[in-house]
Protein backbone atom coordinates (compact mmCIF):
# COMPACT_ATOMS: atom_id res chain seq x y z
CA MET A 1 72.31 77.05 100.74
CA ASN A 2 69.35 77.62 98.25
CA PHE A 3 69.47 76.77 94.44
CA LEU A 4 69.85 80.49 93.51
CA THR A 5 72.86 81.11 95.67
CA LEU A 6 74.61 77.69 94.15
CA LEU A 7 73.85 78.88 90.95
CA LEU A 8 75.44 82.44 91.49
CA LEU A 9 78.27 80.92 92.99
CA SER A 10 79.08 78.32 90.02
CA LEU A 11 78.77 81.12 87.59
CA LEU A 12 81.41 83.24 89.49
CA ILE A 13 83.84 80.63 89.58
CA SER A 14 83.54 79.29 86.13
CA PRO A 15 86.07 80.11 83.40
CA SER A 16 83.82 82.51 81.96
CA PHE A 17 84.23 84.69 84.54
CA ALA A 18 88.02 84.36 84.21
CA ALA A 19 88.31 87.30 82.11
CA MET A 20 86.48 90.56 82.80
CA ASN A 21 85.95 92.96 80.38
CA HIS A 22 84.11 96.24 81.74
CA GLY A 23 83.73 98.79 79.09
CA GLY A 24 87.67 99.68 78.27
CA MET A 25 88.95 97.59 80.91
CA ILE A 26 90.02 94.13 80.29
CA MET A 27 91.29 91.95 83.17
CA ASP A 28 92.29 88.01 83.50
CA GLU A 29 94.90 86.13 85.80
CA THR A 30 97.90 87.22 83.85
CA GLY A 31 97.14 91.25 83.53
CA MET A 32 95.18 93.88 82.10
CA ILE A 33 94.39 96.36 79.83
CA MET A 34 92.78 99.71 80.73
CA ASN A 35 91.00 101.99 78.54
CA HIS A 36 91.10 100.11 75.39
CA ASN A 37 89.78 101.99 72.64
CA PRO A 38 89.88 100.48 68.96
CA ASP A 39 86.81 102.46 67.65
CA LYS A 40 85.93 105.64 69.47
CA LEU A 41 87.23 108.63 67.70
CA PRO A 42 88.55 111.82 69.19
CA LYS A 43 86.28 115.06 68.63
CA ASP A 44 88.79 116.45 66.17
CA CYS A 45 89.27 113.44 64.05
CA LYS A 46 86.87 112.65 61.40
CA GLU A 47 88.07 109.26 60.90
CA ILE A 48 90.87 107.13 61.75
CA SER A 49 94.19 108.05 59.43
CA GLU A 50 95.94 104.72 59.70
CA ASP A 51 96.34 101.66 61.54
CA VAL A 52 99.85 101.49 63.24
CA ASP A 53 101.20 98.20 65.20
CA ILE A 54 103.63 98.49 67.47
CA THR A 55 105.47 95.54 69.30
CA ILE A 56 107.45 97.05 72.66
CA ARG A 57 109.39 94.51 74.84
CA GLY A 58 109.99 95.29 78.25
CA GLY A 59 112.26 93.64 80.76
CA HIS A 60 115.77 93.72 82.43
CA LYS A 61 117.92 92.53 79.73
CA PHE A 62 117.47 95.89 77.79
CA ALA A 63 118.68 97.95 80.36
CA GLN A 64 122.23 96.26 80.24
CA ASP A 65 123.86 98.89 78.03
CA PHE A 66 122.96 101.66 80.40
CA ASN A 67 124.83 101.86 83.96
CA GLY A 68 122.82 102.28 86.73
CA LYS A 69 119.46 101.31 85.21
CA MET A 70 117.39 98.17 86.12
CA PHE A 71 114.78 98.16 83.48
CA THR A 72 113.61 99.64 79.82
CA TYR A 73 111.63 98.75 76.88
CA ASP A 74 113.60 97.45 73.65
CA LYS A 75 112.51 100.70 71.90
CA ARG A 76 111.69 104.05 73.28
CA ASP A 77 110.59 106.66 70.96
CA TRP A 78 107.81 106.33 68.27
CA GLN A 79 106.05 108.44 66.03
CA VAL A 80 102.80 108.15 64.46
CA PRO A 81 100.23 110.60 62.21
CA PRO A 82 97.43 112.53 63.65
CA CYS A 83 94.04 110.45 64.33
CA ALA A 84 96.02 107.21 63.97
CA ARG A 85 94.99 104.19 65.87
CA VAL A 86 97.83 102.60 67.55
CA ASN A 87 97.70 98.57 68.18
CA VAL A 88 99.97 97.96 71.14
CA THR A 89 101.36 94.52 71.49
CA PHE A 90 103.28 94.52 74.71
CA ILE A 91 105.64 91.67 75.76
CA ASN A 92 107.15 91.44 79.31
CA GLU A 93 110.16 89.60 79.11
CA ASP A 94 110.79 89.44 83.12
CA ASP A 95 108.96 87.21 85.87
CA ILE A 96 107.92 90.48 87.57
CA ARG A 97 105.27 92.89 86.84
CA HIS A 98 105.80 95.67 84.08
CA GLN A 99 103.45 98.35 82.43
CA PHE A 100 103.13 99.88 79.10
CA MET A 101 101.46 103.41 80.28
CA ILE A 102 100.77 106.27 78.35
CA HIS A 103 99.72 109.73 79.43
CA GLY A 104 97.98 112.99 78.08
CA LEU A 105 95.31 111.61 76.11
CA PRO A 106 91.89 113.27 76.17
CA GLY A 107 90.11 112.76 79.42
CA TYR A 108 86.76 112.64 77.87
CA MET A 109 87.65 109.55 76.20
CA TYR A 110 90.43 107.93 78.39
CA PRO A 111 89.82 108.39 82.23
CA LYS A 112 92.79 110.38 83.71
CA GLY A 113 94.44 110.20 80.23
CA MET A 114 95.85 107.29 80.39
CA PHE A 115 96.24 103.85 78.46
CA THR A 116 97.73 101.08 79.99
CA ILE A 117 98.81 97.47 79.45
CA GLU A 118 99.93 95.60 82.85
CA ILE A 119 101.44 92.14 82.87
CA TYR A 120 102.12 90.48 85.85
CA GLY A 121 105.14 87.97 84.55
CA LYS A 122 106.04 87.02 81.46
CA GLY A 123 103.55 87.02 78.65
CA GLN A 124 102.11 89.51 76.41
CA LYS A 125 98.59 91.42 75.68
CA THR A 126 97.51 93.91 72.88
CA GLY A 127 95.51 96.70 73.36
CA SER A 128 94.52 99.72 71.12
CA PHE A 129 94.23 103.59 71.31
CA ILE A 130 93.10 106.18 68.82
CA VAL A 131 95.44 109.66 69.30
CA PRO A 132 93.95 113.14 68.57
CA SER A 133 94.96 115.10 65.81
CA ARG A 134 97.32 117.62 67.39
CA ASP A 135 101.05 117.54 67.27
CA TYR A 136 102.30 116.12 70.62
CA THR A 137 104.54 114.41 72.43
CA TYR A 138 103.18 111.80 74.86
CA TYR A 139 104.91 110.39 77.86
CA ILE A 140 105.28 106.47 78.28
CA HIS A 141 106.18 104.73 81.40
CA CYS A 142 106.01 101.94 83.86
CA GLU A 143 104.28 102.98 87.05
CA VAL A 144 105.47 100.15 88.96
CA SER A 145 107.44 101.38 92.16
CA GLN A 146 110.78 102.84 90.85
CA HIS A 147 110.84 101.11 87.74
CA THR A 148 110.60 104.73 85.83
CA GLU A 149 113.51 105.77 87.69
CA LYS A 150 115.50 102.56 86.98
CA GLY A 151 114.91 103.36 83.15
CA MET A 152 111.32 102.08 81.97
CA LYS A 153 110.43 105.34 80.12
CA GLY A 154 109.83 106.21 76.48
CA GLN A 155 107.81 108.79 74.34
CA LEU A 156 105.38 108.91 71.22
CA LYS A 157 105.10 111.68 68.73
CA VAL A 158 102.08 112.44 67.28
CA GLY A 159 102.62 114.20 63.91
CA LYS A 160 105.73 116.50 64.66
CA GLY A 161 105.52 115.82 68.12
CA THR A 162 106.32 118.98 70.70
CA GLY A 163 110.05 118.03 71.16
CA ASP A 164 111.74 115.25 72.94
CA LEU A 165 111.12 114.59 76.84
CA ASP A 166 114.10 114.34 78.91
CA SER A 167 115.90 110.94 80.66
CA ILE A 168 114.69 108.71 77.86
CA LEU A 169 117.65 105.93 77.91
CA GLY A 170 119.60 106.19 74.57
CA LEU A 171 117.78 109.63 73.18
CA THR A 172 117.98 112.24 75.48
CA ALA A 173 119.93 113.60 78.66
CA PRO A 174 118.56 112.98 82.31
CA LEU A 175 117.07 116.17 83.69
CA THR A 176 119.21 115.72 86.96
CA PRO A 177 122.13 113.54 86.02
CA ASP A 178 123.62 110.95 88.59
CA PHE A 179 126.34 112.56 90.42
CA TYR A 180 128.86 111.26 92.90
CA PRO A 181 131.17 113.66 94.39
CA ILE A 182 134.21 112.41 96.35
CA ASN A 183 135.27 114.74 99.34
CA ASN A 184 138.72 114.23 99.67
CA SER A 185 139.75 115.70 103.03
CA LEU A 186 143.36 116.06 104.63
CA TYR A 187 142.95 112.37 106.23
CA THR A 188 141.91 110.91 102.89
CA TRP A 189 145.00 112.28 101.12
CA LEU A 190 147.28 111.27 103.97
CA ALA A 191 145.70 107.71 103.80
CA LEU A 192 146.39 107.46 100.19
CA ILE A 193 149.83 108.27 100.57
CA ALA A 194 150.58 106.02 103.35
CA SER A 195 148.96 103.14 101.14
CA MET A 196 151.30 104.16 98.44
CA LEU A 197 154.09 104.01 100.17
CA ALA A 198 153.35 100.88 102.05
CA GLY A 199 153.03 99.15 98.55
CA LEU A 200 156.35 100.67 97.31
CA LEU A 201 158.16 99.48 100.60
CA PHE A 202 156.44 95.87 100.08
CA ILE A 203 157.86 95.72 96.00
CA ARG A 204 161.01 96.34 97.34
CA LEU A 205 161.32 93.83 100.05
């Protein structure tokens, strides 16, 4: 193994390479921030109107008041002015992976229109994105498998927004409510009557 190969290997395993920043992607062993943007303005914004600092906690304990749900954020509804720089501190309070992911941002600035903070376990990260000037309601969720369905959804309104999204816990009704119909056949009713009669006989004895 020659000197150049040894030098390259030592650089790759050194602590300075543990955290990588490739444009808007920041990664380390605890998680990542995708499409971090603290300074590039959308085309329809002449300047940053306001800095808005938001702290969001995610985890199992925040879903305990919602039957049938497993995870959610401590808050699920935010409103910011047009052209604001939104500085998000996302705190994961579980020992499993969670995300704060927002959709619908301008694709010419944010690939696939997304800004994401992902944390692999308990911990926190802070990242920034700048919203355009139009009134709009942006969709927020955790894209880890089934976490959205289990309650991890929210919304961010820019300006007046464009209305509320469905299925936001504690805020809006689900698009498709959970429904568990009971199909009582004749045999079900006979079994119920028989069990009630048996109970009455047992009490008398």
